[in-house]
Amino acid sequence: MTFSQDEKFLMMLYSPGSKTGLEKALWKMSADLDLDDPDDYQLYQLILSVQGKLKQMTVVEFNQLDLYHNL
């Protein structure tokens, strides 16, 4: 799975270290966004992109991600 630099950065900031934990953190954060605000809407779109990619990944694949290099 290929993630953009922005997606990797978002994942790095909000990941507690597990796929399930990251999915929950992104869901919780997205619930607090004001979708009428252009910046929040852009962040929401980024979250949706990451969530879609995470759904396609296994836990093993997630654990093999290196979010802290090549940013």
C-alpha atoms as a PDB file:
ATOM      1  CA  MET A   1       0.000   0.000   0.000  1.00  0.00           C
ATOM      2  CA  THR A   2       1.364   3.403  -0.945  1.00  0.00           C
ATOM      3  CA  PHE A   3       0.704   6.401   1.283  1.00  0.00           C
ATOM      4  CA  SER A   4       1.382  10.039   0.419  1.00  0.00           C
ATOM      5  CA  GLN A   5       3.673  12.102   2.599  1.00  0.00           C
ATOM      6  CA  ASP A   6       0.628  13.857   4.103  1.00  0.00           C
ATOM      7  CA  GLU A   7      -1.031  10.521   4.849  1.00  0.00           C
ATOM      8  CA  LYS A   8       2.135   9.198   6.497  1.00  0.00           C
ATOM      9  CA  PHE A   9       2.446  12.342   8.584  1.00  0.00           C
ATOM     10  CA  LEU A  10      -1.171  12.090   9.734  1.00  0.00           C
ATOM     11  CA  MET A  11      -0.682   8.439  10.630  1.00  0.00           C
ATOM     12  CA  MET A  12       2.532   9.199  12.481  1.00  0.00           C
ATOM     13  CA  LEU A  13       0.827  11.910  14.546  1.00  0.00           C
ATOM     14  CA  TYR A  14      -2.258   9.925  15.511  1.00  0.00           C
ATOM     15  CA  SER A  15      -1.117   6.305  15.603  1.00  0.00           C
ATOM     16  CA  PRO A  16      -0.947   4.832  19.097  1.00  0.00           C
ATOM     17  CA  GLY A  17       0.994   1.928  17.597  1.00  0.00           C
ATOM     18  CA  SER A  18      -1.764  -0.332  16.320  1.00  0.00           C
ATOM     19  CA  LYS A  19      -3.959  -0.429  13.239  1.00  0.00           C
ATOM     20  CA  THR A  20      -7.137  -0.567  15.311  1.00  0.00           C
ATOM     21  CA  GLY A  21      -5.936   2.261  17.538  1.00  0.00           C
ATOM     22  CA  LEU A  22      -5.159   4.456  14.545  1.00  0.00           C
ATOM     23  CA  GLU A  23      -8.529   3.725  12.971  1.00  0.00           C
ATOM     24  CA  LYS A  24     -10.261   4.732  16.212  1.00  0.00           C
ATOM     25  CA  ALA A  25      -8.145   7.864  16.634  1.00  0.00           C
ATOM     26  CA  LEU A  26      -8.872   9.017  13.079  1.00  0.00           C
ATOM     27  CA  TRP A  27     -12.578   8.315  13.467  1.00  0.00           C
ATOM     28  CA  LYS A  28     -12.686  10.273  16.736  1.00  0.00           C
ATOM     29  CA  MET A  29     -10.775  13.207  15.281  1.00  0.00           C
ATOM     30  CA  SER A  30     -12.909  13.329  12.131  1.00  0.00           C
ATOM     31  CA  ALA A  31     -16.069  13.547  14.245  1.00  0.00           C
ATOM     32  CA  ASP A  32     -14.818  16.850  15.683  1.00  0.00           C
ATOM     33  CA  LEU A  33     -14.180  18.533  12.328  1.00  0.00           C
ATOM     34  CA  ASP A  34     -16.332  21.340  10.963  1.00  0.00           C
ATOM     35  CA  LEU A  35     -16.888  20.278   7.362  1.00  0.00           C
ATOM     36  CA  ASP A  36     -17.989  23.809   6.448  1.00  0.00           C
ATOM     37  CA  ASP A  37     -14.449  24.976   7.189  1.00  0.00           C
ATOM     38  CA  PRO A  38     -12.251  24.474   4.094  1.00  0.00           C
ATOM     39  CA  ASP A  39      -9.211  23.417   6.141  1.00  0.00           C
ATOM     40  CA  ASP A  40     -11.210  20.929   8.191  1.00  0.00           C
ATOM     41  CA  TYR A  41     -12.810  19.590   5.016  1.00  0.00           C
ATOM     42  CA  GLN A  42      -9.383  19.041   3.446  1.00  0.00           C
ATOM     43  CA  LEU A  43      -8.226  17.217   6.582  1.00  0.00           C
ATOM     44  CA  TYR A  44     -11.412  15.141   6.495  1.00  0.00           C
ATOM     45  CA  GLN A  45     -10.663  14.100   2.914  1.00  0.00           C
ATOM     46  CA  LEU A  46      -7.152  13.080   3.963  1.00  0.00           C
ATOM     47  CA  ILE A  47      -8.570  11.047   6.852  1.00  0.00           C
ATOM     48  CA  LEU A  48     -11.000   9.286   4.505  1.00  0.00           C
ATOM     49  CA  SER A  49      -8.143   8.402   2.185  1.00  0.00           C
ATOM     50  CA  VAL A  50      -6.078   6.940   5.028  1.00  0.00           C
ATOM     51  CA  GLN A  51      -9.069   5.060   6.442  1.00  0.00           C
ATOM     52  CA  GLY A  52      -9.792   3.527   3.051  1.00  0.00           C
ATOM     53  CA  LYS A  53      -6.231   2.323   2.692  1.00  0.00           C
ATOM     54  CA  LEU A  54      -6.137   0.998   6.251  1.00  0.00           C
ATOM     55  CA  LYS A  55      -9.249  -1.079   5.600  1.00  0.00           C
ATOM     56  CA  GLN A  56      -7.410  -2.822   2.779  1.00  0.00           C
ATOM     57  CA  MET A  57      -4.411  -3.656   4.960  1.00  0.00           C
ATOM     58  CA  THR A  58      -3.873  -6.538   7.312  1.00  0.00           C
ATOM     59  CA  VAL A  59      -2.508  -6.021  10.805  1.00  0.00           C
ATOM     60  CA  VAL A  60       0.758  -7.630   9.672  1.00  0.00           C
ATOM     61  CA  GLU A  61       1.065  -5.170   6.784  1.00  0.00           C
ATOM     62  CA  PHE A  62       0.341  -2.260   9.107  1.00  0.00           C
ATOM     63  CA  ASN A  63       2.982  -3.448  11.559  1.00  0.00           C
ATOM     64  CA  GLN A  64       5.531  -3.475   8.746  1.00  0.00           C
ATOM     65  CA  LEU A  65       4.956   0.202   7.945  1.00  0.00           C
ATOM     66  CA  ASP A  66       7.814   2.529   8.741  1.00  0.00           C
ATOM     67  CA  LEU A  67       6.125   5.863   9.331  1.00  0.00           C
ATOM     68  CA  TYR A  68       9.134   7.577  10.838  1.00  0.00           C
ATOM     69  CA  HIS A  69      11.566   7.381   7.916  1.00  0.00           C
ATOM     70  CA  ASN A  70      11.476   9.005   4.507  1.00  0.00           C
ATOM     71  CA  LEU A  71       9.101  11.804   5.476  1.00  0.00           C
END
